[in-house]
C-alpha atoms as a PDB file:
ATOM      1  CA  MET A   1      57.061 104.989  88.810  1.00  0.00           C
ATOM      2  CA  GLY A   2      59.787 106.728  90.765  1.00  0.00           C
ATOM      3  CA  LEU A   3      63.507 106.337  90.167  1.00  0.00           C
ATOM      4  CA  LEU A   4      63.625 103.556  92.771  1.00  0.00           C
ATOM      5  CA  PRO A   5      60.359 101.805  93.723  1.00  0.00           C
ATOM      6  CA  GLY A   6      59.222 102.649  97.222  1.00  0.00           C
ATOM      7  CA  LEU A   7      61.585 105.619  97.643  1.00  0.00           C
ATOM      8  CA  PRO A   8      61.047 109.353  97.050  1.00  0.00           C
ATOM      9  CA  ASP A   9      62.769 110.602  93.883  1.00  0.00           C
ATOM     10  CA  ASP A  10      65.179 112.767  95.886  1.00  0.00           C
ATOM     11  CA  VAL A  11      66.378 109.698  97.784  1.00  0.00           C
ATOM     12  CA  GLY A  12      66.570 107.693  94.560  1.00  0.00           C
ATOM     13  CA  LEU A  13      68.675 110.407  92.950  1.00  0.00           C
ATOM     14  CA  GLU A  14      71.006 110.461  95.953  1.00  0.00           C
ATOM     15  CA  CYS A  15      71.568 106.739  95.358  1.00  0.00           C
ATOM     16  CA  LEU A  16      72.281 107.254  91.653  1.00  0.00           C
ATOM     17  CA  VAL A  17      74.841 110.021  92.213  1.00  0.00           C
ATOM     18  CA  ARG A  18      76.943 107.589  94.246  1.00  0.00           C
ATOM     19  CA  VAL A  19      77.365 105.116  91.379  1.00  0.00           C
ATOM     20  CA  PRO A  20      81.015 104.981  90.144  1.00  0.00           C
ATOM     21  CA  TYR A  21      81.425 106.747  86.785  1.00  0.00           C
ATOM     22  CA  ASP A  22      82.637 103.561  85.065  1.00  0.00           C
ATOM     23  CA  HIS A  23      79.218 102.016  85.790  1.00  0.00           C
ATOM     24  CA  PHE A  24      77.253 104.914  84.255  1.00  0.00           C
ATOM     25  CA  SER A  25      76.658 103.014  81.015  1.00  0.00           C
ATOM     26  CA  SER A  26      75.241 100.013  82.899  1.00  0.00           C
ATOM     27  CA  VAL A  27      72.959 102.270  84.938  1.00  0.00           C
ATOM     28  CA  ALA A  28      71.849 104.169  81.824  1.00  0.00           C
ATOM     29  CA  SER A  29      70.903 100.897  80.117  1.00  0.00           C
ATOM     30  CA  VAL A  30      68.461  99.897  82.898  1.00  0.00           C
ATOM     31  CA  CYS A  31      65.701 102.356  81.989  1.00  0.00           C
ATOM     32  CA  LYS A  32      65.071 105.664  80.237  1.00  0.00           C
ATOM     33  CA  SER A  33      64.521 107.616  83.452  1.00  0.00           C
ATOM     34  CA  TRP A  34      67.915 106.601  84.867  1.00  0.00           C
ATOM     35  CA  LYS A  35      69.647 107.437  81.581  1.00  0.00           C
ATOM     36  CA  LEU A  36      67.905 110.829  81.507  1.00  0.00           C
ATOM     37  CA  GLN A  37      68.940 111.610  85.074  1.00  0.00           C
ATOM     38  CA  ILE A  38      72.610 110.818  84.445  1.00  0.00           C
ATOM     39  CA  GLN A  39      72.662 113.142  81.427  1.00  0.00           C
ATOM     40  CA  GLN A  40      71.143 116.115  83.294  1.00  0.00           C
ATOM     41  CA  PRO A  41      73.446 118.917  84.564  1.00  0.00           C
ATOM     42  CA  GLU A  42      71.728 118.642  87.968  1.00  0.00           C
ATOM     43  CA  PHE A  43      73.070 115.087  88.298  1.00  0.00           C
ATOM     44  CA  MET A  44      76.693 116.249  88.189  1.00  0.00           C
ATOM     45  CA  ARG A  45      75.969 119.186  90.524  1.00  0.00           C
ATOM     46  CA  ARG A  46      74.548 116.786  93.098  1.00  0.00           C
ATOM     47  CA  ARG A  47      77.409 114.360  92.549  1.00  0.00           C
ATOM     48  CA  LYS A  48      79.969 117.081  93.227  1.00  0.00           C
ATOM     49  CA  ALA A  49      78.055 118.317  96.286  1.00  0.00           C
ATOM     50  CA  ALA A  50      78.041 114.766  97.663  1.00  0.00           C
ATOM     51  CA  GLY A  51      81.806 114.456  97.117  1.00  0.00           C
ATOM     52  CA  CYS A  52      81.375 111.513  94.755  1.00  0.00           C
ATOM     53  CA  THR A  53      83.271 112.763  91.711  1.00  0.00           C
ATOM     54  CA  SER A  54      86.506 111.193  90.512  1.00  0.00           C
ATOM     55  CA  THR A  55      89.391 113.004  88.822  1.00  0.00           C
ATOM     56  CA  VAL A  56      90.054 111.281  85.509  1.00  0.00           C
ATOM     57  CA  ILE A  57      92.913 112.056  83.100  1.00  0.00           C
ATOM     58  CA  VAL A  58      92.482 110.848  79.513  1.00  0.00           C
ATOM     59  CA  MET A  59      95.594 110.887  77.308  1.00  0.00           C
ATOM     60  CA  ALA A  60      96.776 110.179  73.792  1.00  0.00           C
ATOM     61  CA  GLN A  61      99.664 107.989  74.937  1.00  0.00           C
ATOM     62  CA  ALA A  62     102.214 106.001  72.963  1.00  0.00           C
ATOM     63  CA  HIS A  63     102.669 102.303  73.491  1.00  0.00           C
ATOM     64  CA  PHE A  64     105.836 101.671  75.483  1.00  0.00           C
ATOM     65  CA  ASP A  65     107.712  98.371  75.509  1.00  0.00           C
ATOM     66  CA  PRO A  66     108.874  97.752  79.111  1.00  0.00           C
ATOM     67  CA  THR A  67     111.384  95.135  77.874  1.00  0.00           C
ATOM     68  CA  ARG A  68     113.290  97.705  75.803  1.00  0.00           C
ATOM     69  CA  LYS A  69     116.773  98.417  77.156  1.00  0.00           C
ATOM     70  CA  SER A  70     117.211 101.677  79.037  1.00  0.00           C
ATOM     71  CA  GLY A  71     118.597 104.442  76.881  1.00  0.00           C
ATOM     72  CA  SER A  72     117.788 102.664  73.621  1.00  0.00           C
ATOM     73  CA  VAL A  73     117.061 105.009  70.746  1.00  0.00           C
ATOM     74  CA  LYS A  74     115.739 102.234  68.525  1.00  0.00           C
ATOM     75  CA  LEU A  75     112.172 103.448  68.152  1.00  0.00           C
ATOM     76  CA  PRO A  76     109.418 102.727  65.610  1.00  0.00           C
ATOM     77  CA  ALA A  77     109.342 105.254  62.768  1.00  0.00           C
ATOM     78  CA  THR A  78     105.875 106.391  63.856  1.00  0.00           C
ATOM     79  CA  PRO A  79     104.822 105.787  67.477  1.00  0.00           C
ATOM     80  CA  VAL A  80     101.372 104.253  67.883  1.00  0.00           C
ATOM     81  CA  TYR A  81      99.158 106.286  70.190  1.00  0.00           C
ATOM     82  CA  ARG A  82      96.015 105.076  71.956  1.00  0.00           C
ATOM     83  CA  LEU A  83      93.598 106.502  74.524  1.00  0.00           C
ATOM     84  CA  THR A  84      94.590 105.758  78.100  1.00  0.00           C
ATOM     85  CA  LEU A  85      92.746 106.677  81.282  1.00  0.00           C
ATOM     86  CA  CYS A  86      94.282 107.329  84.668  1.00  0.00           C
ATOM     87  CA  GLU A  87      92.790 108.096  88.067  1.00  0.00           C
ATOM     88  CA  PRO A  88      95.848 109.714  89.669  1.00  0.00           C
ATOM     89  CA  GLU A  89      94.431 109.719  93.175  1.00  0.00           C
ATOM     90  CA  ASN A  90      94.092 105.929  93.359  1.00  0.00           C
ATOM     91  CA  GLY A  91      96.491 104.658  90.660  1.00  0.00           C
ATOM     92  CA  TYR A  92      93.868 103.096  88.389  1.00  0.00           C
ATOM     93  CA  TRP A  93      94.869 102.705  84.709  1.00  0.00           C
ATOM     94  CA  THR A  94      93.003 101.399  81.677  1.00  0.00           C
ATOM     95  CA  GLU A  95      92.542 101.883  77.941  1.00  0.00           C
ATOM     96  CA  LEU A  96      89.437 103.329  76.301  1.00  0.00           C
ATOM     97  CA  PRO A  97      87.855 101.779  73.202  1.00  0.00           C
ATOM     98  CA  PRO A  98      89.591 102.970  70.008  1.00  0.00           C
ATOM     99  CA  VAL A  99      88.214 105.859  67.972  1.00  0.00           C
ATOM    100  CA  PRO A 100      86.043 104.510  65.120  1.00  0.00           C
ATOM    101  CA  GLY A 101      88.187 104.031  62.020  1.00  0.00           C
ATOM    102  CA  TYR A 102      91.439 104.272  63.997  1.00  0.00           C
ATOM    103  CA  THR A 103      91.775 100.809  65.510  1.00  0.00           C
ATOM    104  CA  GLU A 104      95.523 100.746  64.736  1.00  0.00           C
ATOM    105  CA  GLY A 105      96.303 104.062  66.425  1.00  0.00           C
ATOM    106  CA  LEU A 106      95.021 107.588  67.048  1.00  0.00           C
ATOM    107  CA  PRO A 107      95.519 110.435  64.580  1.00  0.00           C
ATOM    108  CA  MET A 108      98.926 111.988  65.270  1.00  0.00           C
ATOM    109  CA  PHE A 109      98.716 115.368  67.073  1.00  0.00           C
ATOM    110  CA  CYS A 110      94.960 115.097  67.661  1.00  0.00           C
ATOM    111  CA  GLN A 111      93.521 117.186  70.499  1.00  0.00           C
ATOM    112  CA  LEU A 112      91.568 115.802  73.476  1.00  0.00           C
ATOM    113  CA  VAL A 113      89.029 117.908  75.350  1.00  0.00           C
ATOM    114  CA  GLY A 114      86.730 117.004  78.245  1.00  0.00           C
ATOM    115  CA  VAL A 115      83.172 118.375  78.243  1.00  0.00           C
ATOM    116  CA  GLY A 116      80.826 117.179  80.988  1.00  0.00           C
ATOM    117  CA  LEU A 117      80.632 113.386  80.678  1.00  0.00           C
ATOM    118  CA  ASN A 118      82.089 113.480  77.155  1.00  0.00           C
ATOM    119  CA  LEU A 119      85.552 113.138  75.677  1.00  0.00           C
ATOM    120  CA  VAL A 120      86.029 115.030  72.402  1.00  0.00           C
ATOM    121  CA  VAL A 121      88.806 113.940  69.998  1.00  0.00           C
ATOM    122  CA  MET A 122      89.431 116.393  67.176  1.00  0.00           C
ATOM    123  CA  GLY A 123      91.777 116.899  64.260  1.00  0.00           C
ATOM    124  CA  GLY A 124      95.225 115.369  63.872  1.00  0.00           C
ATOM    125  CA  TRP A 125      97.045 113.586  61.068  1.00  0.00           C
ATOM    126  CA  ASN A 126      96.175 110.178  59.677  1.00  0.00           C
ATOM    127  CA  PRO A 127      99.019 107.943  60.970  1.00  0.00           C
ATOM    128  CA  ASP A 128      99.250 106.092  57.643  1.00  0.00           C
ATOM    129  CA  THR A 129      98.773 108.847  55.034  1.00  0.00           C
ATOM    130  CA  TRP A 130      99.711 111.933  57.110  1.00  0.00           C
ATOM    131  CA  GLU A 131      96.595 113.609  55.727  1.00  0.00           C
ATOM    132  CA  VAL A 132      95.243 116.337  58.014  1.00  0.00           C
ATOM    133  CA  SER A 133      91.829 115.510  59.448  1.00  0.00           C
ATOM    134  CA  ASN A 134      88.995 117.851  60.424  1.00  0.00           C
ATOM    135  CA  ALA A 135      87.020 114.976  61.985  1.00  0.00           C
ATOM    136  CA  VAL A 136      85.454 115.134  65.440  1.00  0.00           C
ATOM    137  CA  PHE A 137      84.613 112.109  67.583  1.00  0.00           C
ATOM    138  CA  VAL A 138      82.743 112.175  70.889  1.00  0.00           C
ATOM    139  CA  TYR A 139      82.974 109.418  73.514  1.00  0.00           C
ATOM    140  CA  SER A 140      80.143 109.413  76.050  1.00  0.00           C
ATOM    141  CA  PHE A 141      81.009 108.017  79.473  1.00  0.00           C
ATOM    142  CA  SER A 142      77.287 107.784  80.205  1.00  0.00           C
ATOM    143  CA  THR A 143      76.773 105.243  77.402  1.00  0.00           C
ATOM    144  CA  ALA A 144      80.368 103.972  76.905  1.00  0.00           C
ATOM    145  CA  SER A 145      80.026 104.604  73.169  1.00  0.00           C
ATOM    146  CA  TRP A 146      81.468 106.737  70.374  1.00  0.00           C
ATOM    147  CA  ARG A 147      79.632 108.953  67.920  1.00  0.00           C
ATOM    148  CA  ARG A 148      80.894 110.974  64.969  1.00  0.00           C
ATOM    149  CA  GLY A 149      80.533 114.706  65.546  1.00  0.00           C
ATOM    150  CA  ALA A 150      80.212 117.461  62.966  1.00  0.00           C
ATOM    151  CA  ASP A 151      83.515 118.110  61.190  1.00  0.00           C
ATOM    152  CA  MET A 152      85.451 121.265  62.002  1.00  0.00           C
ATOM    153  CA  PRO A 153      84.401 123.787  59.338  1.00  0.00           C
ATOM    154  CA  GLY A 154      86.815 125.727  57.154  1.00  0.00           C
ATOM    155  CA  CYS A 155      90.324 124.707  56.223  1.00  0.00           C
ATOM    156  CA  ARG A 156      91.912 121.613  57.728  1.00  0.00           C
ATOM    157  CA  ARG A 157      93.931 123.049  60.596  1.00  0.00           C
ATOM    158  CA  SER A 158      96.821 121.562  62.539  1.00  0.00           C
ATOM    159  CA  PHE A 159      98.443 122.505  65.870  1.00  0.00           C
ATOM    160  CA  PHE A 160      95.527 124.690  66.964  1.00  0.00           C
ATOM    161  CA  ALA A 161      94.746 125.922  70.459  1.00  0.00           C
ATOM    162  CA  CYS A 162      91.686 124.432  72.111  1.00  0.00           C
ATOM    163  CA  ALA A 163      89.981 124.276  75.507  1.00  0.00           C
ATOM    164  CA  SER A 164      86.497 123.787  76.910  1.00  0.00           C
ATOM    165  CA  ASP A 165      84.271 125.452  79.486  1.00  0.00           C
ATOM    166  CA  LEU A 166      83.901 121.885  80.915  1.00  0.00           C
ATOM    167  CA  LYS A 167      80.115 122.123  80.508  1.00  0.00           C
ATOM    168  CA  ARG A 168      79.164 121.938  76.813  1.00  0.00           C
ATOM    169  CA  THR A 169      81.421 124.036  74.560  1.00  0.00           C
ATOM    170  CA  VAL A 170      84.844 123.481  72.981  1.00  0.00           C
ATOM    171  CA  PHE A 171      86.780 126.516  71.710  1.00  0.00           C
ATOM    172  CA  VAL A 172      89.315 126.304  68.878  1.00  0.00           C
ATOM    173  CA  ALA A 173      91.661 129.025  67.581  1.00  0.00           C
ATOM    174  CA  GLY A 174      94.736 129.439  65.403  1.00  0.00           C
ATOM    175  CA  GLY A 175      96.939 126.637  64.107  1.00  0.00           C
ATOM    176  CA  HIS A 176      97.976 126.436  60.468  1.00  0.00           C
ATOM    177  CA  ASP A 177      96.453 125.309  57.173  1.00  0.00           C
ATOM    178  CA  ASP A 178      97.763 122.818  54.584  1.00  0.00           C
ATOM    179  CA  GLU A 179     100.169 125.453  53.219  1.00  0.00           C
ATOM    180  CA  LYS A 180     101.655 126.082  56.699  1.00  0.00           C
ATOM    181  CA  ASN A 181      99.981 129.509  56.852  1.00  0.00           C
ATOM    182  CA  ALA A 182      99.284 130.475  60.448  1.00  0.00           C
ATOM    183  CA  LEU A 183      95.622 131.176  61.236  1.00  0.00           C
ATOM    184  CA  SER A 184      93.803 133.825  63.262  1.00  0.00           C
ATOM    185  CA  SER A 185      90.321 132.316  62.909  1.00  0.00           C
ATOM    186  CA  ALA A 186      88.403 130.827  65.846  1.00  0.00           C
ATOM    187  CA  LEU A 187      85.454 128.465  66.323  1.00  0.00           C
ATOM    188  CA  ALA A 188      83.168 127.144  69.058  1.00  0.00           C
ATOM    189  CA  TYR A 189      81.640 123.655  69.115  1.00  0.00           C
ATOM    190  CA  ASP A 190      78.470 122.924  71.112  1.00  0.00           C
ATOM    191  CA  VAL A 191      78.849 119.239  71.979  1.00  0.00           C
ATOM    192  CA  ALA A 192      75.185 118.701  72.931  1.00  0.00           C
ATOM    193  CA  LYS A 193      73.837 120.337  69.764  1.00  0.00           C
ATOM    194  CA  ASP A 194      76.688 118.989  67.591  1.00  0.00           C
ATOM    195  CA  LYS A 195      76.984 122.443  66.051  1.00  0.00           C
ATOM    196  CA  TRP A 196      79.904 124.706  65.156  1.00  0.00           C
ATOM    197  CA  VAL A 197      79.791 128.520  65.347  1.00  0.00           C
ATOM    198  CA  GLN A 198      82.298 130.933  63.818  1.00  0.00           C
ATOM    199  CA  LEU A 199      83.860 133.318  66.349  1.00  0.00           C
ATOM    200  CA  PRO A 200      85.498 136.675  65.587  1.00  0.00           C
ATOM    201  CA  ASP A 201      89.090 136.397  64.391  1.00  0.00           C
ATOM    202  CA  MET A 202      91.946 137.014  66.778  1.00  0.00           C
ATOM    203  CA  ALA A 203      94.091 140.109  66.266  1.00  0.00           C
ATOM    204  CA  MET A 204      97.095 137.911  65.388  1.00  0.00           C
ATOM    205  CA  GLU A 205      97.857 134.676  63.570  1.00  0.00           C
ATOM    206  CA  ARG A 206      98.879 132.040  66.138  1.00  0.00           C
ATOM    207  CA  ASP A 207     100.364 128.705  65.117  1.00  0.00           C
ATOM    208  CA  GLU A 208     101.236 126.234  67.917  1.00  0.00           C
ATOM    209  CA  SER A 209      99.581 128.404  70.559  1.00  0.00           C
ATOM    210  CA  LYS A 210      98.112 126.927  73.755  1.00  0.00           C
ATOM    211  CA  GLY A 211      94.466 127.184  74.778  1.00  0.00           C
ATOM    212  CA  ALA A 212      93.245 127.437  78.377  1.00  0.00           C
ATOM    213  CA  PHE A 213      89.833 128.258  79.821  1.00  0.00           C
ATOM    214  CA  GLN A 214      89.891 130.321  82.993  1.00  0.00           C
ATOM    215  CA  GLY A 215      87.618 132.930  84.577  1.00  0.00           C
ATOM    216  CA  GLY A 216      84.952 132.806  81.882  1.00  0.00           C
ATOM    217  CA  LYS A 217      87.500 133.426  79.117  1.00  0.00           C
ATOM    218  CA  PHE A 218      89.195 131.307  76.453  1.00  0.00           C
ATOM    219  CA  HIS A 219      92.882 132.245  76.580  1.00  0.00           C
ATOM    220  CA  VAL A 220      95.086 131.686  73.517  1.00  0.00           C
ATOM    221  CA  ILE A 221      98.691 131.915  74.627  1.00  0.00           C
ATOM    222  CA  GLY A 222     101.821 132.415  72.574  1.00  0.00           C
ATOM    223  CA  GLY A 223     102.292 130.853  69.148  1.00  0.00           C
ATOM    224  CA  TYR A 224     103.796 132.528  66.089  1.00  0.00           C
ATOM    225  CA  HIS A 225     102.655 134.000  62.792  1.00  0.00           C
ATOM    226  CA  THR A 226     103.477 132.691  59.328  1.00  0.00           C
ATOM    227  CA  ASN A 227     106.684 134.655  58.792  1.00  0.00           C
ATOM    228  CA  MET A 228     108.122 133.734  62.193  1.00  0.00           C
ATOM    229  CA  GLN A 229     107.983 129.887  61.751  1.00  0.00           C
ATOM    230  CA  GLY A 230     108.843 128.572  65.184  1.00  0.00           C
ATOM    231  CA  ARG A 231     109.912 131.840  66.828  1.00  0.00           C
ATOM    232  CA  PHE A 232     107.305 132.140  69.555  1.00  0.00           C
ATOM    233  CA  THR A 233     105.687 135.364  70.712  1.00  0.00           C
ATOM    234  CA  THR A 234     105.197 136.307  74.364  1.00  0.00           C
ATOM    235  CA  SER A 235     101.710 137.741  73.752  1.00  0.00           C
ATOM    236  CA  ALA A 236      98.259 136.253  74.389  1.00  0.00           C
ATOM    237  CA  GLU A 237      94.621 136.961  73.563  1.00  0.00           C
ATOM    238  CA  SER A 238      91.475 136.150  75.543  1.00  0.00           C
ATOM    239  CA  PHE A 239      87.952 135.613  74.219  1.00  0.00           C
ATOM    240  CA  ASP A 240      85.433 136.920  76.758  1.00  0.00           C
ATOM    241  CA  LEU A 241      82.247 134.841  76.751  1.00  0.00           C
ATOM    242  CA  SER A 242      80.261 137.659  78.380  1.00  0.00           C
ATOM    243  CA  THR A 243      80.949 140.063  75.504  1.00  0.00           C
ATOM    244  CA  CYS A 244      81.618 137.521  72.709  1.00  0.00           C
ATOM    245  CA  GLN A 245      84.689 139.578  71.801  1.00  0.00           C
ATOM    246  CA  TRP A 246      88.433 139.270  72.079  1.00  0.00           C
ATOM    247  CA  ASP A 247      90.075 141.418  74.737  1.00  0.00           C
ATOM    248  CA  PRO A 248      93.011 143.608  73.645  1.00  0.00           C
ATOM    249  CA  VAL A 249      96.222 141.676  72.968  1.00  0.00           C
ATOM    250  CA  GLN A 250      98.292 141.184  76.115  1.00  0.00           C
ATOM    251  CA  ASN A 251     101.864 141.836  75.051  1.00  0.00           C
ATOM    252  CA  ASP A 252     104.520 140.212  77.235  1.00  0.00           C
ATOM    253  CA  PHE A 253     101.938 137.858  78.765  1.00  0.00           C
ATOM    254  CA  LEU A 254     104.819 135.382  78.941  1.00  0.00           C
ATOM    255  CA  ASP A 255     108.100 136.733  80.291  1.00  0.00           C
ATOM    256  CA  ILE A 256     110.136 134.591  77.884  1.00  0.00           C
ATOM    257  CA  ALA A 257     109.485 133.659  74.251  1.00  0.00           C
ATOM    258  CA  THR A 258     108.959 129.909  74.492  1.00  0.00           C
ATOM    259  CA  CYS A 259     106.622 127.129  73.415  1.00  0.00           C
ATOM    260  CA  PRO A 260     103.551 127.527  75.683  1.00  0.00           C
ATOM    261  CA  ARG A 261     102.346 123.904  75.575  1.00  0.00           C
ATOM    262  CA  THR A 262     102.763 123.377  79.361  1.00  0.00           C
ATOM    263  CA  CYS A 263     100.630 126.406  80.255  1.00  0.00           C
ATOM    264  CA  VAL A 264      97.408 125.278  81.978  1.00  0.00           C
ATOM    265  CA  GLY A 265      94.498 126.545  84.040  1.00  0.00           C
ATOM    266  CA  GLY A 266      91.887 124.660  86.042  1.00  0.00           C
ATOM    267  CA  ALA A 267      93.616 124.536  89.428  1.00  0.00           C
ATOM    268  CA  GLY A 268      90.569 126.137  91.033  1.00  0.00           C
ATOM    269  CA  ASP A 269      92.155 129.402  92.175  1.00  0.00           C
ATOM    270  CA  GLY A 270      91.851 131.373  88.930  1.00  0.00           C
ATOM    271  CA  ARG A 271      95.567 131.305  88.170  1.00  0.00           C
ATOM    272  CA  LEU A 272      97.497 129.894  85.228  1.00  0.00           C
ATOM    273  CA  LEU A 273     100.486 127.602  85.716  1.00  0.00           C
ATOM    274  CA  MET A 274     103.407 126.654  83.507  1.00  0.00           C
ATOM    275  CA  CYS A 275     106.447 124.369  83.561  1.00  0.00           C
ATOM    276  CA  ARG A 276     109.563 126.062  82.200  1.00  0.00           C
ATOM    277  CA  ASP A 277     113.201 125.100  82.430  1.00  0.00           C
ATOM    278  CA  ALA A 278     113.418 123.226  85.748  1.00  0.00           C
ATOM    279  CA  ASP A 279     110.626 125.099  87.559  1.00  0.00           C
ATOM    280  CA  VAL A 280     106.857 125.313  87.972  1.00  0.00           C
ATOM    281  CA  ALA A 281     105.697 128.927  87.724  1.00  0.00           C
ATOM    282  CA  ILE A 282     102.335 130.536  88.567  1.00  0.00           C
ATOM    283  CA  LEU A 283     100.950 133.748  87.075  1.00  0.00           C
ATOM    284  CA  GLN A 284     100.316 136.106  89.984  1.00  0.00           C
ATOM    285  CA  ASN A 285      99.499 139.807  89.544  1.00  0.00           C
ATOM    286  CA  SER A 286     100.574 139.641  85.889  1.00  0.00           C
ATOM    287  CA  LYS A 287     103.979 138.221  86.837  1.00  0.00           C
ATOM    288  CA  TRP A 288     105.245 134.660  86.482  1.00  0.00           C
ATOM    289  CA  GLN A 289     106.725 133.452  89.763  1.00  0.00           C
ATOM    290  CA  ALA A 290     108.578 130.166  90.226  1.00  0.00           C
ATOM    291  CA  VAL A 291     107.038 128.274  93.154  1.00  0.00           C
ATOM    292  CA  THR A 292     108.929 124.964  93.088  1.00  0.00           C
ATOM    293  CA  GLN A 293     111.381 122.916  91.067  1.00  0.00           C
ATOM    294  CA  LEU A 294     110.489 119.973  88.861  1.00  0.00           C
ATOM    295  CA  PRO A 295     111.238 116.500  90.255  1.00  0.00           C
ATOM    296  CA  ALA A 296     114.928 115.680  89.835  1.00  0.00           C
ATOM    297  CA  ASP A 297     114.263 112.819  87.392  1.00  0.00           C
ATOM    298  CA  ILE A 298     112.079 114.892  85.032  1.00  0.00           C
ATOM    299  CA  ARG A 299     113.837 116.865  82.310  1.00  0.00           C
ATOM    300  CA  ASN A 300     111.574 116.370  79.291  1.00  0.00           C
ATOM    301  CA  VAL A 301     107.998 117.382  80.134  1.00  0.00           C
ATOM    302  CA  SER A 302     105.431 115.932  77.738  1.00  0.00           C
ATOM    303  CA  TYR A 303     102.125 116.743  79.442  1.00  0.00           C
ATOM    304  CA  VAL A 304     100.733 118.939  82.232  1.00  0.00           C
ATOM    305  CA  THR A 305      97.201 119.366  83.570  1.00  0.00           C
ATOM    306  CA  ALA A 306      95.632 120.804  86.721  1.00  0.00           C
ATOM    307  CA  TRP A 307      92.483 120.456  88.789  1.00  0.00           C
ATOM    308  CA  GLN A 308      91.284 121.612  92.203  1.00  0.00           C
ATOM    309  CA  GLY A 309      94.501 122.304  94.133  1.00  0.00           C
ATOM    310  CA  ASN A 310      96.642 119.857  92.149  1.00  0.00           C
ATOM    311  CA  LEU A 311      98.947 119.764  89.150  1.00  0.00           C
ATOM    312  CA  LEU A 312      99.847 116.574  87.283  1.00  0.00           C
ATOM    313  CA  LEU A 313     103.083 116.321  85.321  1.00  0.00           C
ATOM    314  CA  ILE A 314     104.250 113.584  82.939  1.00  0.00           C
ATOM    315  CA  GLY A 315     107.809 113.496  81.647  1.00  0.00           C
ATOM    316  CA  SER A 316     111.043 111.579  81.378  1.00  0.00           C
ATOM    317  CA  PRO A 317     114.724 111.956  82.304  1.00  0.00           C
ATOM    318  CA  ARG A 318     115.820 111.620  78.669  1.00  0.00           C
ATOM    319  CA  PHE A 319     114.409 111.000  75.217  1.00  0.00           C
ATOM    320  CA  SER A 320     113.162 107.391  74.748  1.00  0.00           C
ATOM    321  CA  GLU A 321     113.123 106.718  78.508  1.00  0.00           C
ATOM    322  CA  PRO A 322     109.882 105.544  80.184  1.00  0.00           C
ATOM    323  CA  HIS A 323     107.734 108.461  81.327  1.00  0.00           C
ATOM    324  CA  LYS A 324     107.037 109.108  84.990  1.00  0.00           C
ATOM    325  CA  ILE A 325     104.075 110.843  86.616  1.00  0.00           C
ATOM    326  CA  TYR A 326     104.040 113.216  89.565  1.00  0.00           C
ATOM    327  CA  MET A 327     101.298 115.163  91.345  1.00  0.00           C
ATOM    328  CA  LEU A 328     102.001 118.559  92.908  1.00  0.00           C
ATOM    329  CA  ASP A 329      99.962 119.807  95.871  1.00  0.00           C
ATOM    330  CA  LEU A 330      99.491 123.506  95.067  1.00  0.00           C
ATOM    331  CA  GLN A 331      99.199 124.497  98.712  1.00  0.00           C
ATOM    332  CA  SER A 332     102.257 122.789 100.175  1.00  0.00           C
ATOM    333  CA  TYR A 333     104.153 122.551  96.832  1.00  0.00           C
ATOM    334  CA  THR A 334     105.126 118.965  97.566  1.00  0.00           C
ATOM    335  CA  TRP A 335     105.437 116.293  94.866  1.00  0.00           C
ATOM    336  CA  THR A 336     103.941 112.791  95.069  1.00  0.00           C
ATOM    337  CA  LYS A 337     104.917 110.109  92.574  1.00  0.00           C
ATOM    338  CA  VAL A 338     102.029 108.322  90.817  1.00  0.00           C
ATOM    339  CA  GLU A 339     102.707 104.667  90.120  1.00  0.00           C
ATOM    340  CA  THR A 340     102.167 103.472  86.544  1.00  0.00           C
ATOM    341  CA  ARG A 341     101.300 100.021  85.267  1.00  0.00           C
ATOM    342  CA  ASP A 342     103.390  98.234  82.662  1.00  0.00           C
ATOM    343  CA  GLY A 343     102.551  99.568  79.225  1.00  0.00           C
ATOM    344  CA  PHE A 344     101.412 102.973  80.490  1.00  0.00           C
ATOM    345  CA  SER A 345     104.730 104.816  80.580  1.00  0.00           C
ATOM    346  CA  GLY A 346     104.850 106.004  76.971  1.00  0.00           C
ATOM    347  CA  HIS A 347     105.045 109.563  75.659  1.00  0.00           C
ATOM    348  CA  VAL A 348     101.852 111.644  76.002  1.00  0.00           C
ATOM    349  CA  GLN A 349     100.939 113.835  73.048  1.00  0.00           C
ATOM    350  CA  SER A 350      97.770 115.454  74.414  1.00  0.00           C
ATOM    351  CA  GLY A 351      95.211 114.940  77.158  1.00  0.00           C
ATOM    352  CA  CYS A 352      92.450 116.389  79.270  1.00  0.00           C
ATOM    353  CA  CYS A 353      91.111 116.283  82.811  1.00  0.00           C
ATOM    354  CA  LEU A 354      87.500 115.379  83.628  1.00  0.00           C
ATOM    355  CA  GLN A 355      85.653 115.455  86.940  1.00  0.00           C
ATOM    356  CA  MET A 356      83.170 112.575  86.888  1.00  0.00           C
END
């Protein structure tokens, strides 16, 4: 039998690629052939070519009480984070099912990475015991279900850099171990094979560095080594997938020594972007150039991501205030405010962008 009785398979596939991503699990449950088609790389290529993909932001976001008085600093000792999903182009918000074993809240400081039709949640601290976790969980949007992935090998690392090639591999580098020793080791995780591979070490230890994937390279930006403890470097290193080696260290990659957590790629033009002070800056010809100011009511930036021609920023005017969301058009450099639903204006600890 074909994909759809009475129709050529090409026509049947063109029908399937137009199904909204949040119905993938229903479609996949109809029959094995439909499930197989949705999980093939060709399915997403056709979906993109047909202009049917949706931009989806998944975040580790704190619960926020909209009845709390403005400016109140009376906060819970440990914020409770859960997985939220936002479609910034149409204002849709929802929560994802909780990670298995973490029904009362996500691991603190866990990392989220998007790979194809999968969300990968890795590492973090147990919110009750503060024990560092090396666990990996994978949520499949094609089946709307979680599975436990292979644990990160080696020491239990915190505050590591990570990014994905968006297709099948997650890259991890740096962070620190249980003794607060900064790390130079690096790993790669094949989501489809559920297999970890050791990569060559970086030239430097890098705790609290930022990972970004751009131009076929995994960039590890900033951070600090063990003896510096919070004094960030301006250097960066890039792992070249074509050579499976680290390029020479780029000294003064950043023009100021600062926390690099707002540095992102993925805007579609091969450039990296960063929020710093009150500006958005873009790396052009090895120089950071401010291109626009942050919205007037954003002073504390908690999360930044980018996709084709757009940048999304989440932040607040002051600590403990509800967070606001803006989108920046990277051609006109104009901001558009994204409306949030009640309960979705809490602090964002980490996140990722998927095209589904």
